[in-house]
C-alpha atoms as a PDB file:
ATOM      1  CA  UNK A   1      18.286-279.466 111.316  1.00  0.00           C
ATOM      2  CA  UNK A   2      18.583-278.618 107.399  1.00  0.00           C
ATOM      3  CA  UNK A   3      17.242-280.384 104.742  1.00  0.00           C
ATOM      4  CA  UNK A   4      19.669-281.410 101.763  1.00  0.00           C
ATOM      5  CA  UNK A   5      18.018-282.292  98.952  1.00  0.00           C
ATOM      6  CA  UNK A   6      20.207-285.071  97.214  1.00  0.00           C
ATOM      7  CA  UNK A   7      20.448-285.698  93.548  1.00  0.00           C
ATOM      8  CA  UNK A   8      17.198-288.444  93.890  1.00  0.00           C
ATOM      9  CA  UNK A   9      14.940-288.514  90.656  1.00  0.00           C
ATOM     10  CA  UNK A  10      11.826-288.444  92.816  1.00  0.00           C
ATOM     11  CA  UNK A  11      10.903-288.087  96.564  1.00  0.00           C
ATOM     12  CA  UNK A  12      13.681-286.075  99.148  1.00  0.00           C
ATOM     13  CA  UNK A  13      16.476-286.630 100.869  1.00  0.00           C
ATOM     14  CA  UNK A  14      17.025-286.199 104.739  1.00  0.00           C
ATOM     15  CA  UNK A  15      20.123-286.263 106.391  1.00  0.00           C
ATOM     16  CA  UNK A  16      19.960-287.044 110.066  1.00  0.00           C
ATOM     17  CA  UNK A  17      21.987-287.984 112.523  1.00  0.00           C
ATOM     18  CA  UNK A  18      22.991-290.987 114.630  1.00  0.00           C
ATOM     19  CA  UNK A  19      23.630-290.840 117.518  1.00  0.00           C
ATOM     20  CA  UNK A  20      25.671-292.815 120.563  1.00  0.00           C
ATOM     21  CA  UNK A  21      22.637-293.894 122.422  1.00  0.00           C
ATOM     22  CA  UNK A  22      20.933-295.090 118.682  1.00  0.00           C
ATOM     23  CA  UNK A  23      22.985-297.360 119.288  1.00  0.00           C
ATOM     24  CA  UNK A  24      22.352-301.669 120.299  1.00  0.00           C
ATOM     25  CA  UNK A  25      24.949-303.530 122.413  1.00  0.00           C
ATOM     26  CA  UNK A  26      26.849-304.187 119.098  1.00  0.00           C
ATOM     27  CA  UNK A  27      27.130-300.593 118.200  1.00  0.00           C
ATOM     28  CA  UNK A  28      24.880-300.623 115.224  1.00  0.00           C
ATOM     29  CA  UNK A  29      21.610-298.711 115.027  1.00  0.00           C
ATOM     30  CA  UNK A  30      18.736-300.172 117.059  1.00  0.00           C
ATOM     31  CA  UNK A  31      16.398-301.861 115.027  1.00  0.00           C
ATOM     32  CA  UNK A  32      13.511-299.658 116.167  1.00  0.00           C
ATOM     33  CA  UNK A  33      15.452-296.462 115.389  1.00  0.00           C
ATOM     34  CA  UNK A  34      14.982-296.691 111.752  1.00  0.00           C
ATOM     35  CA  UNK A  35      11.450-296.141 112.595  1.00  0.00           C
ATOM     36  CA  UNK A  36      12.006-292.724 114.712  1.00  0.00           C
ATOM     37  CA  UNK A  37      14.332-291.745 112.177  1.00  0.00           C
ATOM     38  CA  UNK A  38      11.900-291.775 109.329  1.00  0.00           C
ATOM     39  CA  UNK A  39       9.729-289.986 111.551  1.00  0.00           C
ATOM     40  CA  UNK A  40      11.760-287.433 112.581  1.00  0.00           C
ATOM     41  CA  UNK A  41      12.775-287.136 108.857  1.00  0.00           C
ATOM     42  CA  UNK A  42       9.272-286.935 107.503  1.00  0.00           C
ATOM     43  CA  UNK A  43       8.027-284.641 110.501  1.00  0.00           C
ATOM     44  CA  UNK A  44      11.302-282.035 109.428  1.00  0.00           C
ATOM     45  CA  UNK A  45      10.201-282.192 105.800  1.00  0.00           C
ATOM     46  CA  UNK A  46       6.335-280.915 106.237  1.00  0.00           C
ATOM     47  CA  UNK A  47       7.577-278.721 108.629  1.00  0.00           C
ATOM     48  CA  UNK A  48       9.540-277.123 106.577  1.00  0.00           C
ATOM     49  CA  UNK A  49       6.341-276.450 104.361  1.00  0.00           C
ATOM     50  CA  UNK A  50       4.291-274.853 107.125  1.00  0.00           C
ATOM     51  CA  UNK A  51       2.850-278.494 108.714  1.00  0.00           C
ATOM     52  CA  UNK A  52       3.724-279.252 111.899  1.00  0.00           C
ATOM     53  CA  UNK A  53       2.616-279.081 115.519  1.00  0.00           C
ATOM     54  CA  UNK A  54       3.039-275.948 117.688  1.00  0.00           C
ATOM     55  CA  UNK A  55       2.074-275.404 121.124  1.00  0.00           C
ATOM     56  CA  UNK A  56       0.878-278.949 120.747  1.00  0.00           C
ATOM     57  CA  UNK A  57      -1.298-277.899 118.364  1.00  0.00           C
ATOM     58  CA  UNK A  58      -1.538-279.145 114.175  1.00  0.00           C
ATOM     59  CA  UNK A  59      -0.908-275.529 112.409  1.00  0.00           C
ATOM     60  CA  UNK A  60      -2.870-276.946 109.573  1.00  0.00           C
ATOM     61  CA  UNK A  61      -5.551-279.977 109.639  1.00  0.00           C
ATOM     62  CA  UNK A  62      -3.206-281.973 107.851  1.00  0.00           C
ATOM     63  CA  UNK A  63      -0.559-282.202 110.600  1.00  0.00           C
ATOM     64  CA  UNK A  64      -3.161-284.780 112.194  1.00  0.00           C
ATOM     65  CA  UNK A  65      -2.336-287.871 111.064  1.00  0.00           C
ATOM     66  CA  UNK A  66      -1.578-291.429 112.599  1.00  0.00           C
ATOM     67  CA  UNK A  67       0.358-294.357 110.535  1.00  0.00           C
ATOM     68  CA  UNK A  68      -1.560-297.375 110.184  1.00  0.00           C
ATOM     69  CA  UNK A  69       0.508-299.123 108.472  1.00  0.00           C
ATOM     70  CA  UNK A  70       4.809-299.832 108.812  1.00  0.00           C
ATOM     71  CA  UNK A  71       7.148-302.441 106.998  1.00  0.00           C
ATOM     72  CA  UNK A  72      10.887-302.569 106.926  1.00  0.00           C
ATOM     73  CA  UNK A  73      13.113-304.590 105.710  1.00  0.00           C
ATOM     74  CA  UNK A  74      16.788-304.286 106.876  1.00  0.00           C
ATOM     75  CA  UNK A  75      19.506-305.116 104.198  1.00  0.00           C
ATOM     76  CA  UNK A  76      22.664-304.237 106.212  1.00  0.00           C
ATOM     77  CA  UNK A  77      23.809-302.677 109.699  1.00  0.00           C
ATOM     78  CA  UNK A  78      24.141-299.143 110.578  1.00  0.00           C
ATOM     79  CA  UNK A  79      27.618-299.053 112.504  1.00  0.00           C
ATOM     80  CA  UNK A  80      28.413-296.535 114.503  1.00  0.00           C
ATOM     81  CA  UNK A  81      27.227-292.577 115.037  1.00  0.00           C
ATOM     82  CA  UNK A  82      27.450-290.233 112.296  1.00  0.00           C
ATOM     83  CA  UNK A  83      25.143-289.085 109.419  1.00  0.00           C
ATOM     84  CA  UNK A  84      22.534-291.143 107.383  1.00  0.00           C
ATOM     85  CA  UNK A  85      20.306-290.581 104.233  1.00  0.00           C
ATOM     86  CA  UNK A  86      16.509-291.104 104.987  1.00  0.00           C
ATOM     87  CA  UNK A  87      15.353-291.258 101.208  1.00  0.00           C
ATOM     88  CA  UNK A  88      11.554-290.726 101.371  1.00  0.00           C
ATOM     89  CA  UNK A  89       8.297-290.562  98.478  1.00  0.00           C
ATOM     90  CA  UNK A  90       5.402-290.729  98.352  1.00  0.00           C
ATOM     91  CA  UNK A  91       3.549-293.842  95.923  1.00  0.00           C
ATOM     92  CA  UNK A  92       0.094-292.876  96.140  1.00  0.00           C
ATOM     93  CA  UNK A  93      -1.651-290.291  97.891  1.00  0.00           C
ATOM     94  CA  UNK A  94      -5.302-291.277  98.075  1.00  0.00           C
ATOM     95  CA  UNK A  95      -8.609-289.381  99.422  1.00  0.00           C
ATOM     96  CA  UNK A  96      -6.970-290.083 103.542  1.00  0.00           C
ATOM     97  CA  UNK A  97      -3.778-291.755 102.855  1.00  0.00           C
ATOM     98  CA  UNK A  98      -0.626-291.304 102.164  1.00  0.00           C
ATOM     99  CA  UNK A  99       1.146-294.212 101.087  1.00  0.00           C
ATOM    100  CA  UNK A 100       5.484-293.727 101.734  1.00  0.00           C
ATOM    101  CA  UNK A 101       8.088-295.618 100.798  1.00  0.00           C
ATOM    102  CA  UNK A 102      11.623-295.255 101.833  1.00  0.00           C
ATOM    103  CA  UNK A 103      15.017-295.810 102.012  1.00  0.00           C
ATOM    104  CA  UNK A 104      17.824-295.461 105.093  1.00  0.00           C
ATOM    105  CA  UNK A 105      21.298-294.862 103.256  1.00  0.00           C
ATOM    106  CA  UNK A 106      24.579-293.663 104.143  1.00  0.00           C
ATOM    107  CA  UNK A 107      24.786-290.100 103.888  1.00  0.00           C
ATOM    108  CA  UNK A 108      26.281-290.230 100.084  1.00  0.00           C
ATOM    109  CA  UNK A 109      23.369-292.377  99.299  1.00  0.00           C
ATOM    110  CA  UNK A 110      25.735-295.031  97.681  1.00  0.00           C
ATOM    111  CA  UNK A 111      24.638-297.581 100.361  1.00  0.00           C
ATOM    112  CA  UNK A 112      20.840-298.810 101.498  1.00  0.00           C
ATOM    113  CA  UNK A 113      20.885-300.060 104.957  1.00  0.00           C
ATOM    114  CA  UNK A 114      16.898-300.530 105.407  1.00  0.00           C
ATOM    115  CA  UNK A 115      13.989-299.829 103.013  1.00  0.00           C
ATOM    116  CA  UNK A 116      10.302-299.495 103.686  1.00  0.00           C
ATOM    117  CA  UNK A 117       6.568-298.583 103.280  1.00  0.00           C
ATOM    118  CA  UNK A 118       4.706-296.333 106.008  1.00  0.00           C
ATOM    119  CA  UNK A 119       0.805-295.532 105.311  1.00  0.00           C
ATOM    120  CA  UNK A 120      -0.436-292.320 107.022  1.00  0.00           C
ATOM    121  CA  UNK A 121      -4.117-291.457 107.448  1.00  0.00           C
ATOM    122  CA  UNK A 122      -5.271-288.165 108.284  1.00  0.00           C
ATOM    123  CA  UNK A 123      -7.764-287.550 110.675  1.00  0.00           C
ATOM    124  CA  UNK A 124     -10.529-285.506 112.264  1.00  0.00           C
ATOM    125  CA  UNK A 125      -9.419-284.389 115.820  1.00  0.00           C
ATOM    126  CA  UNK A 126     -13.007-284.434 117.144  1.00  0.00           C
ATOM    127  CA  UNK A 127     -14.053-287.774 115.456  1.00  0.00           C
ATOM    128  CA  UNK A 128     -11.084-289.755 114.929  1.00  0.00           C
ATOM    129  CA  UNK A 129     -12.092-291.214 112.227  1.00  0.00           C
ATOM    130  CA  UNK A 130     -10.068-290.416 108.442  1.00  0.00           C
ATOM    131  CA  UNK A 131     -11.013-287.727 106.560  1.00  0.00           C
ATOM    132  CA  UNK A 132      -9.798-285.891 103.317  1.00  0.00           C
ATOM    133  CA  UNK A 133      -6.463-283.870 102.858  1.00  0.00           C
ATOM    134  CA  UNK A 134      -6.458-280.409 102.134  1.00  0.00           C
ATOM    135  CA  UNK A 135      -6.475-279.443  98.841  1.00  0.00           C
ATOM    136  CA  UNK A 136      -2.960-277.160 100.441  1.00  0.00           C
ATOM    137  CA  UNK A 137      -1.972-280.764 101.930  1.00  0.00           C
ATOM    138  CA  UNK A 138      -2.146-283.045  98.381  1.00  0.00           C
ATOM    139  CA  UNK A 139      -0.364-279.834  96.618  1.00  0.00           C
ATOM    140  CA  UNK A 140       2.603-280.096  99.110  1.00  0.00           C
ATOM    141  CA  UNK A 141       2.274-284.189  98.898  1.00  0.00           C
ATOM    142  CA  UNK A 142       2.062-283.406  95.007  1.00  0.00           C
ATOM    143  CA  UNK A 143       6.043-282.567  95.258  1.00  0.00           C
ATOM    144  CA  UNK A 144       6.856-286.199  97.194  1.00  0.00           C
ATOM    145  CA  UNK A 145       5.036-288.369  94.325  1.00  0.00           C
ATOM    146  CA  UNK A 146       6.758-290.827  92.263  1.00  0.00           C
ATOM    147  CA  UNK A 147       5.899-290.497  88.716  1.00  0.00           C
END
């Protein structure tokens, strides 16, 4: 999957495919799949910047993080298969947390299907307790910050 940067004033957009098995019995994107699409878009974005998992191990300390909060508001259904956009940004980046906001849109960005918030916390793999983001992770994250 290649990230396609749209003309957005902040954050980034990753285009994601909606497959037939993502749909519910009514032929619309199942509500649980929005979180999956958001997750995949963010993981792809960070992986292209060297923050990922390889062989079951994090490539950098910042890859070891978990979702603490997740909320989503649905506006319109995504009908059928095809490509959608996931526009996401960091509203803030704390010492150990990253507060993402996102929109799931049509591929051209004209229609907003859903929007939400997701908060990630960086953890120490040994203690499973929150630890600060590295300076490297902070520098990458800063490119997603909404001013």
